[in-house]
C-alpha atoms as a PDB file:
ATOM      1  CA  GLN A   1       9.505-182.314  74.501  1.00  0.00           C
ATOM      2  CA  ASP A   2       8.011-181.842  78.002  1.00  0.00           C
ATOM      3  CA  HIS A   3      10.679-183.490  80.188  1.00  0.00           C
ATOM      4  CA  PRO A   4      13.379-180.789  79.799  1.00  0.00           C
ATOM      5  CA  LEU A   5      10.961-178.224  81.161  1.00  0.00           C
ATOM      6  CA  HIS A   6      10.086-180.456  84.116  1.00  0.00           C
ATOM      7  CA  ILE A   7      13.826-181.052  84.791  1.00  0.00           C
ATOM      8  CA  ALA A   8      14.474-177.293  84.685  1.00  0.00           C
ATOM      9  CA  MET A   9      11.567-176.617  87.002  1.00  0.00           C
ATOM     10  CA  GLY A  10      12.570-179.349  89.366  1.00  0.00           C
ATOM     11  CA  SER A  11      16.056-177.861  89.556  1.00  0.00           C
ATOM     12  CA  ALA A  12      14.755-174.273  89.974  1.00  0.00           C
ATOM     13  CA  LEU A  13      12.343-175.329  92.709  1.00  0.00           C
ATOM     14  CA  SER A  14      15.061-177.242  94.462  1.00  0.00           C
ATOM     15  CA  ALA A  15      17.000-173.997  94.554  1.00  0.00           C
ATOM     16  CA  LEU A  16      13.935-172.169  95.844  1.00  0.00           C
ATOM     17  CA  TRP A  17      13.330-174.783  98.531  1.00  0.00           C
ATOM     18  CA  GLY A  18      16.829-175.621  99.809  1.00  0.00           C
ATOM     19  CA  TRP A  19      18.857-172.441  99.227  1.00  0.00           C
ATOM     20  CA  GLY A  20      15.904-170.253  99.942  1.00  0.00           C
ATOM     21  CA  LEU A  21      15.779-171.795 103.387  1.00  0.00           C
ATOM     22  CA  MET A  22      19.490-171.475 103.781  1.00  0.00           C
ATOM     23  CA  TRP A  23      19.566-167.698 103.293  1.00  0.00           C
ATOM     24  CA  PHE A  24      17.575-167.199 106.506  1.00  0.00           C
ATOM     25  CA  THR A  25      18.647-170.171 108.597  1.00  0.00           C
ATOM     26  CA  PRO A  26      21.704-168.540 110.304  1.00  0.00           C
ATOM     27  CA  SER A  27      19.534-165.581 111.470  1.00  0.00           C
ATOM     28  CA  TYR A  28      16.762-167.913 112.494  1.00  0.00           C
ATOM     29  CA  ILE A  29      19.056-170.006 114.664  1.00  0.00           C
ATOM     30  CA  GLU A  30      20.475-166.960 116.382  1.00  0.00           C
ATOM     31  CA  ARG A  31      17.104-165.401 116.991  1.00  0.00           C
ATOM     32  CA  MET A  32      15.220-168.546 117.942  1.00  0.00           C
ATOM     33  CA  TYR A  33      17.815-169.936 120.338  1.00  0.00           C
ATOM     34  CA  GLY A  34      19.329-166.686 121.665  1.00  0.00           C
ATOM     35  CA  LEU A  35      22.772-167.360 120.243  1.00  0.00           C
ATOM     36  CA  GLY A  36      25.277-164.620 119.574  1.00  0.00           C
ATOM     37  CA  GLU A  37      25.929-163.142 116.158  1.00  0.00           C
ATOM     38  CA  GLY A  38      27.787-165.571 113.937  1.00  0.00           C
ATOM     39  CA  ASN A  39      26.868-168.735 115.802  1.00  0.00           C
ATOM     40  CA  GLY A  40      24.345-169.698 113.167  1.00  0.00           C
ATOM     41  CA  GLY A  41      27.228-169.865 110.672  1.00  0.00           C
ATOM     42  CA  VAL A  42      29.303-171.899 113.098  1.00  0.00           C
ATOM     43  CA  ILE A  43      26.579-174.530 113.297  1.00  0.00           C
ATOM     44  CA  LEU A  44      25.980-174.602 109.490  1.00  0.00           C
ATOM     45  CA  SER A  45      29.568-174.493 108.281  1.00  0.00           C
ATOM     46  CA  PRO A  46      30.538-178.134 109.018  1.00  0.00           C
ATOM     47  CA  ILE A  47      27.199-179.325 107.578  1.00  0.00           C
ATOM     48  CA  HIS A  48      27.902-177.564 104.298  1.00  0.00           C
ATOM     49  CA  LEU A  49      31.550-178.571 104.236  1.00  0.00           C
ATOM     50  CA  LEU A  50      31.172-182.231 105.199  1.00  0.00           C
ATOM     51  CA  GLY A  51      27.625-182.939 104.212  1.00  0.00           C
ATOM     52  CA  GLY A  52      27.667-180.869 101.041  1.00  0.00           C
ATOM     53  CA  ALA A  53      30.968-182.232  99.842  1.00  0.00           C
ATOM     54  CA  GLY A  54      30.056-185.770 100.827  1.00  0.00           C
ATOM     55  CA  ALA A  55      26.689-185.543  98.989  1.00  0.00           C
ATOM     56  CA  THR A  56      28.408-184.203  95.900  1.00  0.00           C
ATOM     57  CA  LEU A  57      30.998-186.935  95.802  1.00  0.00           C
ATOM     58  CA  PHE A  58      28.484-189.646  96.621  1.00  0.00           C
ATOM     59  CA  THR A  59      26.136-188.464  93.886  1.00  0.00           C
ATOM     60  CA  ALA A  60      28.950-188.454  91.304  1.00  0.00           C
ATOM     61  CA  TRP A  61      29.792-192.014  92.226  1.00  0.00           C
ATOM     62  CA  LEU A  62      26.193-193.221  92.340  1.00  0.00           C
ATOM     63  CA  VAL A  63      24.967-191.815  89.056  1.00  0.00           C
ATOM     64  CA  GLY A  64      28.174-192.990  87.336  1.00  0.00           C
ATOM     65  CA  ARG A  65      27.212-196.625  87.969  1.00  0.00           C
ATOM     66  CA  PRO A  66      25.858-198.649  84.971  1.00  0.00           C
ATOM     67  CA  GLU A  67      22.334-198.866  86.317  1.00  0.00           C
ATOM     68  CA  PHE A  68      21.967-195.074  86.156  1.00  0.00           C
ATOM     69  CA  THR A  69      22.624-194.875  82.419  1.00  0.00           C
ATOM     70  CA  ASP A  70      18.764-194.952  82.250  1.00  0.00           C
ATOM     71  CA  GLN A  71      17.717-191.380  82.658  1.00  0.00           C
ATOM     72  CA  LYS A  72      14.379-192.439  84.190  1.00  0.00           C
ATOM     73  CA  ARG A  73      16.293-193.801  87.214  1.00  0.00           C
ATOM     74  CA  VAL A  74      18.157-190.540  87.621  1.00  0.00           C
ATOM     75  CA  MET A  75      14.948-188.551  87.657  1.00  0.00           C
ATOM     76  CA  ARG A  76      13.341-191.023  90.016  1.00  0.00           C
ATOM     77  CA  LEU A  77      16.384-190.673  92.327  1.00  0.00           C
ATOM     78  CA  CYS A  78      16.134-186.810  92.309  1.00  0.00           C
ATOM     79  CA  ALA A  79      12.425-187.057  93.094  1.00  0.00           C
ATOM     80  CA  VAL A  80      12.811-189.537  95.956  1.00  0.00           C
ATOM     81  CA  VAL A  81      15.788-187.751  97.597  1.00  0.00           C
ATOM     82  CA  THR A  82      14.132-184.363  97.366  1.00  0.00           C
ATOM     83  CA  ALA A  83      10.758-185.635  98.669  1.00  0.00           C
ATOM     84  CA  LEU A  84      12.416-187.397 101.592  1.00  0.00           C
ATOM     85  CA  ALA A  85      14.648-184.492 102.478  1.00  0.00           C
ATOM     86  CA  THR A  86      11.685-182.091 102.530  1.00  0.00           C
ATOM     87  CA  ILE A  87      10.389-183.784 105.700  1.00  0.00           C
ATOM     88  CA  PRO A  88      13.421-182.916 107.871  1.00  0.00           C
ATOM     89  CA  SER A  89      13.578-179.488 106.232  1.00  0.00           C
ATOM     90  CA  PHE A  90      10.118-178.787 107.668  1.00  0.00           C
ATOM     91  CA  TYR A  91      10.784-180.330 111.032  1.00  0.00           C
ATOM     92  CA  ALA A  92      13.977-178.313 111.436  1.00  0.00           C
ATOM     93  CA  TYR A  93      11.927-175.132 111.784  1.00  0.00           C
ATOM     94  CA  TYR A  94       8.955-176.837 113.507  1.00  0.00           C
ATOM     95  CA  THR A  95      10.924-178.087 116.498  1.00  0.00           C
ATOM     96  CA  HIS A  96      11.937-175.873 119.437  1.00  0.00           C
ATOM     97  CA  SER A  97      14.924-178.065 120.324  1.00  0.00           C
ATOM     98  CA  LEU A  98      18.315-176.844 119.042  1.00  0.00           C
ATOM     99  CA  GLY A  99      19.726-180.412 119.166  1.00  0.00           C
ATOM    100  CA  MET A 100      16.830-181.760 117.030  1.00  0.00           C
ATOM    101  CA  MET A 101      17.197-178.880 114.589  1.00  0.00           C
ATOM    102  CA  LYS A 102      20.899-179.684 114.130  1.00  0.00           C
ATOM    103  CA  LEU A 103      20.054-183.267 113.427  1.00  0.00           C
ATOM    104  CA  MET A 104      17.361-182.253 110.834  1.00  0.00           C
ATOM    105  CA  LEU A 105      19.897-179.899 109.130  1.00  0.00           C
ATOM    106  CA  TRP A 106      22.315-182.828 108.849  1.00  0.00           C
ATOM    107  CA  LEU A 107      19.615-184.809 107.156  1.00  0.00           C
ATOM    108  CA  TYR A 108      18.402-182.275 104.643  1.00  0.00           C
ATOM    109  CA  VAL A 109      21.224-179.790 103.835  1.00  0.00           C
ATOM    110  CA  PRO A 110      23.231-182.433 101.907  1.00  0.00           C
ATOM    111  CA  ALA A 111      20.173-182.915  99.615  1.00  0.00           C
ATOM    112  CA  ILE A 112      20.483-179.337  98.350  1.00  0.00           C
ATOM    113  CA  TYR A 113      23.806-180.364  96.801  1.00  0.00           C
ATOM    114  CA  PHE A 114      22.606-183.816  95.670  1.00  0.00           C
ATOM    115  CA  TYR A 115      20.391-182.597  92.819  1.00  0.00           C
ATOM    116  CA  LEU A 116      22.900-180.235  91.114  1.00  0.00           C
ATOM    117  CA  GLY A 117      24.971-182.693  89.019  1.00  0.00           C
ATOM    118  CA  PRO A 118      22.142-185.030  87.988  1.00  0.00           C
ATOM    119  CA  SER A 119      19.676-182.274  87.067  1.00  0.00           C
ATOM    120  CA  PHE A 120      22.122-180.267  84.972  1.00  0.00           C
ATOM    121  CA  ALA A 121      23.405-183.446  83.291  1.00  0.00           C
ATOM    122  CA  ALA A 122      19.765-184.456  82.565  1.00  0.00           C
ATOM    123  CA  VAL A 123      19.018-181.075  81.006  1.00  0.00           C
ATOM    124  CA  GLN A 124      22.003-181.444  78.693  1.00  0.00           C
ATOM    125  CA  ASN A 125      21.031-185.064  77.747  1.00  0.00           C
ATOM    126  CA  ALA A 126      17.491-183.864  76.971  1.00  0.00           C
ATOM    127  CA  ALA A 127      18.678-181.070  74.622  1.00  0.00           C
ATOM    128  CA  PRO A 128      19.757-181.395  70.975  1.00  0.00           C
ATOM    129  CA  PRO A 129      23.587-181.030  70.809  1.00  0.00           C
ATOM    130  CA  ARG A 130      23.467-177.557  69.334  1.00  0.00           C
ATOM    131  CA  MET A 131      21.058-176.378  72.016  1.00  0.00           C
ATOM    132  CA  ARG A 132      22.780-177.731  75.139  1.00  0.00           C
ATOM    133  CA  ALA A 133      24.297-174.411  76.190  1.00  0.00           C
ATOM    134  CA  ILE A 134      20.936-172.659  75.880  1.00  0.00           C
ATOM    135  CA  PHE A 135      19.118-175.283  77.825  1.00  0.00           C
ATOM    136  CA  VAL A 136      21.680-175.106  80.673  1.00  0.00           C
ATOM    137  CA  ALA A 137      21.628-171.301  80.591  1.00  0.00           C
ATOM    138  CA  VAL A 138      17.834-171.220  80.855  1.00  0.00           C
ATOM    139  CA  SER A 139      17.910-173.831  83.687  1.00  0.00           C
ATOM    140  CA  LEU A 140      20.488-171.702  85.593  1.00  0.00           C
ATOM    141  CA  LEU A 141      18.510-168.554  84.998  1.00  0.00           C
ATOM    142  CA  LEU A 142      15.350-170.117  86.480  1.00  0.00           C
ATOM    143  CA  ALA A 143      17.318-171.461  89.439  1.00  0.00           C
ATOM    144  CA  ASN A 144      18.863-168.079  90.148  1.00  0.00           C
ATOM    145  CA  VAL A 145      15.519-166.237  89.805  1.00  0.00           C
ATOM    146  CA  PHE A 146      13.841-168.637  92.245  1.00  0.00           C
ATOM    147  CA  ASN A 147      16.799-168.717  94.599  1.00  0.00           C
ATOM    148  CA  LEU A 148      18.050-165.117  94.610  1.00  0.00           C
ATOM    149  CA  ILE A 149      14.806-163.163  93.880  1.00  0.00           C
ATOM    150  CA  VAL A 150      11.711-165.144  94.731  1.00  0.00           C
ATOM    151  CA  ALA A 151      12.918-166.818  97.917  1.00  0.00           C
ATOM    152  CA  PRO A 152      14.168-163.763  99.767  1.00  0.00           C
ATOM    153  CA  TRP A 153      11.084-161.724  98.683  1.00  0.00           C
ATOM    154  CA  PHE A 154       8.666-164.511  99.646  1.00  0.00           C
ATOM    155  CA  VAL A 155      10.200-165.241 103.101  1.00  0.00           C
ATOM    156  CA  GLY A 156      10.743-161.581 103.907  1.00  0.00           C
ATOM    157  CA  THR A 157       7.170-160.658 102.940  1.00  0.00           C
ATOM    158  CA  LEU A 158       5.699-163.479 104.913  1.00  0.00           C
ATOM    159  CA  SER A 159       7.915-162.796 107.980  1.00  0.00           C
ATOM    160  CA  ASP A 160       6.797-159.076 107.915  1.00  0.00           C
ATOM    161  CA  HIS A 161       3.209-160.170 107.562  1.00  0.00           C
ATOM    162  CA  PHE A 162       3.361-162.601 110.499  1.00  0.00           C
ATOM    163  CA  SER A 163       5.142-160.106 112.726  1.00  0.00           C
ATOM    164  CA  GLY A 164       3.211-156.994 111.832  1.00  0.00           C
ATOM    165  CA  GLY A 165       6.387-155.371 110.540  1.00  0.00           C
ATOM    166  CA  VAL A 166       8.558-156.119 113.553  1.00  0.00           C
ATOM    167  CA  PRO A 167      11.049-158.978 112.850  1.00  0.00           C
ATOM    168  CA  THR A 168      10.797-161.810 115.411  1.00  0.00           C
ATOM    169  CA  ALA A 169      12.010-165.405 115.611  1.00  0.00           C
ATOM    170  CA  ASP A 170       8.463-166.726 115.475  1.00  0.00           C
ATOM    171  CA  SER A 171       7.517-164.753 112.348  1.00  0.00           C
ATOM    172  CA  LEU A 172      10.612-165.931 110.552  1.00  0.00           C
ATOM    173  CA  ARG A 173       9.863-169.494 111.733  1.00  0.00           C
ATOM    174  CA  LEU A 174       6.364-169.326 110.290  1.00  0.00           C
ATOM    175  CA  ALA A 175       7.684-168.032 106.970  1.00  0.00           C
ATOM    176  CA  LEU A 176      10.236-170.800 106.722  1.00  0.00           C
ATOM    177  CA  LEU A 177       7.621-173.380 107.596  1.00  0.00           C
ATOM    178  CA  VAL A 178       5.537-172.115 104.645  1.00  0.00           C
ATOM    179  CA  LEU A 179       8.523-172.352 102.254  1.00  0.00           C
ATOM    180  CA  ALA A 180       9.805-175.762 103.396  1.00  0.00           C
ATOM    181  CA  PRO A 181       7.073-177.861 101.688  1.00  0.00           C
ATOM    182  CA  SER A 182       8.064-176.487  98.276  1.00  0.00           C
ATOM    183  CA  GLY A 183      10.545-179.397  98.166  1.00  0.00           C
ATOM    184  CA  PHE A 184       7.535-181.618  97.374  1.00  0.00           C
ATOM    185  CA  TRP A 185       6.762-179.336  94.423  1.00  0.00           C
ATOM    186  CA  SER A 186      10.301-179.833  93.137  1.00  0.00           C
ATOM    187  CA  ALA A 187       9.988-183.639  93.561  1.00  0.00           C
ATOM    188  CA  PHE A 188       6.784-183.530  91.598  1.00  0.00           C
ATOM    189  CA  HIS A 189       8.529-182.051  88.590  1.00  0.00           C
ATOM    190  CA  TYR A 190      11.380-184.640  88.721  1.00  0.00           C
ATOM    191  CA  TRP A 191       8.660-187.354  88.833  1.00  0.00           C
ATOM    192  CA  ARG A 192       6.829-185.746  85.868  1.00  0.00           C
ATOM    193  CA  ALA A 193      10.146-185.613  83.932  1.00  0.00           C
ATOM    194  CA  GLU A 194      10.577-189.346  84.459  1.00  0.00           C
ATOM    195  CA  ARG A 195       7.040-189.986  83.239  1.00  0.00           C
ATOM    196  CA  HIS A 196       7.560-187.900  80.098  1.00  0.00           C
ATOM    197  CA  LEU A 197      10.887-189.383  79.101  1.00  0.00           C
ATOM    198  CA  GLU A 198       9.382-192.483  77.469  1.00  0.00           C
ATOM    199  CA  ALA A 199       6.624-190.456  75.701  1.00  0.00           C
ATOM    200  CA  ASP A 200       9.080-187.912  74.356  1.00  0.00           C
ATOM    201  CA  ALA A 201      11.439-190.620  73.111  1.00  0.00           C
ATOM    202  CA  GLN A 202       8.477-192.291  71.275  1.00  0.00           C
ATOM    203  CA  ARG A 203       7.375-188.957  69.791  1.00  0.00           C
ATOM    204  CA  ILE A 204      10.896-188.338  68.414  1.00  0.00           C
ATOM    205  CA  ALA A 205      10.998-191.898  66.980  1.00  0.00           C
ATOM    206  CA  ASP A 206       7.638-191.340  65.321  1.00  0.00           C
ATOM    207  CA  HIS A 207       8.849-188.173  63.588  1.00  0.00           C
ATOM    208  CA  ALA A 208      12.240-189.541  62.663  1.00  0.00           C
END
């Protein structure tokens, strides 16, 4: 079966994209806009609290509706939301306006909560019953590797490269602009998971 791998990769790359950006966003806000220490967190806290909680609750309600019993629609939803949210995630670091950045954060930060429930549910639905714990564990491992290891190393290395070893707001900005389009990579895997669902189901039926 190919679609569980694509689901796991979509989830892992969502973590790389969204949470990878989030690790550095407070420092970026403080450096770029000359704000005091801690003010980046002040800006982001209500977005995570209200936007993140709202996205989580809305997702639970949405995918619980009868039309989303079709797994293809769930994967399509993850692909579309992730792809659309990637646009403001790029513009948040492209703009030099603090007000515009705040607006872009409100548009894309909730999306990094949106994918969690549907993607992990889809991984379990794609796994044989006796293998569900393993499938979820592998998916979480991939997400944590991309989020906690790859993203900090990638952004830090790029920022050092762009600055010549001296951390600056512009070097961090460029590094985050390189990372931001990875949301499209994640959306691609969700799209491929949708495409493989039907083929995998037919393969299972043929070997039944």
